[in-house]
């Protein structure tokens, strides 16, 4: 009778205690950061001059773009969306360079029967329109990652 009592702790069998202990070890918290794409240098942004800065300079400063849209592809997109019927040559740019830097904060609680994940991802976007001489015609920059701490 005493041996039978020793095999049980608080009314649980040793097998059940082992399973509960393992479940306790498998639970945990995760806190992390997520980064994607090159960081866009605000100092280099100040050096961009429409009509002066070339495509080669942009690529040397920011690296290869994540997206490059040629006039032919852009023209097809506009036609598919039924935005325009005129040729792209009538637009004030010949191609588009696009850069994006994503940053996120991730928090998670992982338990055996319950999991909770929270992520907050923000982006910085730089879009550069080039003219027929491969010089900057227009550009735009939007900062989103400053909202993250």
Protein backbone atom coordinates (compact mmCIF):
# COMPACT_ATOMS: atom_id res chain seq x y z
CA UNK A 1 0.00 0.00 0.00
CA UNK A 2 2.83 2.36 0.83
CA UNK A 3 4.58 1.54 -2.50
CA UNK A 4 1.38 2.29 -4.34
CA UNK A 5 1.21 5.63 -2.55
CA UNK A 6 4.79 6.45 -3.51
CA UNK A 7 3.98 5.88 -7.19
CA UNK A 8 1.38 8.62 -7.04
CA UNK A 9 2.01 12.26 -6.26
CA UNK A 10 -1.03 14.43 -5.57
CA UNK A 11 -3.21 11.82 -7.17
CA UNK A 12 -1.28 11.77 -10.48
CA UNK A 13 0.57 8.80 -11.86
CA UNK A 14 4.29 9.20 -12.73
CA UNK A 15 3.39 9.05 -16.43
CA UNK A 16 0.93 11.92 -16.05
CA UNK A 17 3.47 13.97 -14.06
CA UNK A 18 6.01 13.41 -16.85
CA UNK A 19 3.55 14.57 -19.50
CA UNK A 20 2.66 17.70 -17.50
CA UNK A 21 6.35 18.46 -16.89
CA UNK A 22 7.10 18.07 -20.61
CA UNK A 23 4.17 20.32 -21.52
CA UNK A 24 5.49 22.93 -19.09
CA UNK A 25 8.93 22.79 -20.72
CA UNK A 26 7.47 23.19 -24.23
CA UNK A 27 5.73 26.45 -23.41
CA UNK A 28 7.52 29.74 -23.78
CA UNK A 29 7.65 33.30 -24.98
CA UNK A 30 9.16 34.67 -28.16
CA UNK A 31 10.18 38.27 -28.74
CA UNK A 32 11.90 39.22 -31.96
CA UNK A 33 12.48 41.71 -34.74
CA UNK A 34 12.01 41.22 -38.45
CA UNK A 35 14.01 43.03 -41.14
CA UNK A 36 13.69 42.73 -44.91
CA UNK A 37 15.35 44.71 -47.67
CA UNK A 38 18.16 47.23 -47.43
CA UNK A 39 17.75 50.24 -45.13
CA UNK A 40 17.11 53.38 -47.18
CA UNK A 41 19.67 56.05 -46.27
CA UNK A 42 18.01 59.40 -45.60
CA UNK A 43 21.38 61.12 -46.10
CA UNK A 44 21.58 59.77 -49.66
CA UNK A 45 17.97 60.86 -50.26
CA UNK A 46 19.06 64.46 -49.70
CA UNK A 47 21.57 64.05 -52.55
CA UNK A 48 18.92 63.11 -55.14
CA UNK A 49 18.45 65.99 -57.58
CA UNK A 50 15.79 65.71 -60.30
CA UNK A 51 17.32 66.19 -63.74
CA UNK A 52 20.85 65.69 -62.37
CA UNK A 53 21.08 62.40 -60.49
CA UNK A 54 21.50 59.38 -62.78
CA UNK A 55 20.18 55.84 -62.59
CA UNK A 56 23.76 54.58 -62.06
CA UNK A 57 24.17 56.85 -59.02
CA UNK A 58 20.88 55.67 -57.54
CA UNK A 59 21.92 52.02 -57.95
CA UNK A 60 25.36 52.70 -56.43
CA UNK A 61 23.73 54.42 -53.41
CA UNK A 62 20.80 52.10 -52.76
CA UNK A 63 21.81 48.88 -54.55
CA UNK A 64 19.71 47.05 -57.09
CA UNK A 65 16.01 47.90 -56.81
CA UNK A 66 13.55 45.35 -55.47
CA UNK A 67 11.25 46.24 -58.34
CA UNK A 68 12.08 47.61 -61.75
CA UNK A 69 9.23 48.39 -64.07
CA UNK A 70 10.10 48.92 -67.71
CA UNK A 71 7.91 51.09 -69.95
CA UNK A 72 6.55 48.05 -71.79
CA UNK A 73 5.43 46.28 -68.62
CA UNK A 74 4.03 49.49 -67.12
CA UNK A 75 2.09 50.17 -70.31
CA UNK A 76 0.56 46.67 -70.15
CA UNK A 77 -0.45 47.18 -66.52
CA UNK A 78 -2.14 50.49 -67.34
CA UNK A 79 -4.01 48.92 -70.26
CA UNK A 80 -5.14 45.91 -68.19
CA UNK A 81 -6.46 48.24 -65.50
CA UNK A 82 -8.16 50.24 -68.24
CA UNK A 83 -6.45 53.41 -67.00
CA UNK A 84 -5.16 54.62 -70.34
CA UNK A 85 -5.15 53.79 -74.01
CA UNK A 86 -2.30 56.11 -74.99
CA UNK A 87 1.28 54.83 -75.34
CA UNK A 88 3.63 55.09 -72.39
CA UNK A 89 5.95 57.38 -74.36
CA UNK A 90 3.51 60.18 -73.51
CA UNK A 91 4.29 59.82 -69.79
CA UNK A 92 7.09 61.91 -68.24
CA UNK A 93 9.20 58.90 -67.22
CA UNK A 94 10.74 55.94 -68.96
CA UNK A 95 11.15 53.55 -66.05
CA UNK A 96 10.59 53.17 -62.34
CA UNK A 97 12.92 51.99 -59.57
CA UNK A 98 11.30 50.84 -56.34
CA UNK A 99 12.95 50.20 -52.96
CA UNK A 100 11.31 48.91 -49.82
CA UNK A 101 12.63 48.30 -46.30
CA UNK A 102 10.38 46.34 -43.92
CA UNK A 103 10.81 46.16 -40.17
CA UNK A 104 8.63 44.42 -37.65
CA UNK A 105 8.27 43.57 -34.00
CA UNK A 106 7.04 40.09 -33.12
CA UNK A 107 5.75 38.78 -29.78
CA UNK A 108 4.41 35.30 -29.11
CA UNK A 109 3.30 33.09 -26.26
CA UNK A 110 3.48 29.40 -27.06
CA UNK A 111 1.68 26.96 -24.80
CA UNK A 112 0.47 23.43 -25.41
CA UNK A 113 -3.20 24.25 -25.95
CA UNK A 114 -3.03 27.99 -26.58
CA UNK A 115 -0.79 30.11 -28.82
CA UNK A 116 -0.82 33.88 -29.23
CA UNK A 117 1.20 35.77 -31.86
CA UNK A 118 1.29 39.53 -32.37
CA UNK A 119 3.29 41.18 -35.13
CA UNK A 120 3.56 44.78 -36.21
CA UNK A 121 5.31 45.30 -39.56
CA UNK A 122 5.95 48.73 -41.10
CA UNK A 123 7.70 49.74 -44.33
CA UNK A 124 9.78 52.54 -45.80
CA UNK A 125 9.15 53.05 -49.54
CA UNK A 126 11.27 54.86 -52.11
CA UNK A 127 9.98 55.15 -55.68
CA UNK A 128 12.09 56.84 -58.35
CA UNK A 129 10.83 57.77 -61.81
CA UNK A 130 13.51 58.13 -64.48
CA UNK A 131 13.31 60.10 -67.71
CA UNK A 132 14.43 59.00 -71.18
CA UNK A 133 18.05 59.99 -70.35
CA UNK A 134 18.04 57.74 -67.24
CA UNK A 135 18.08 60.73 -64.92
CA UNK A 136 15.72 61.20 -61.99
CA UNK A 137 12.49 62.87 -63.07
CA UNK A 138 10.48 62.47 -59.85
CA UNK A 139 10.89 60.57 -56.61
CA UNK A 140 8.91 59.91 -53.48
CA UNK A 141 9.83 58.58 -50.06
CA UNK A 142 7.48 57.43 -47.32
CA UNK A 143 8.75 56.52 -43.84
CA UNK A 144 6.72 53.95 -41.93
CA UNK A 145 9.30 52.25 -39.69
CA UNK A 146 9.62 55.29 -37.37
CA UNK A 147 6.32 54.20 -35.81
CA UNK A 148 8.06 51.13 -34.35
CA UNK A 149 10.08 51.38 -31.17
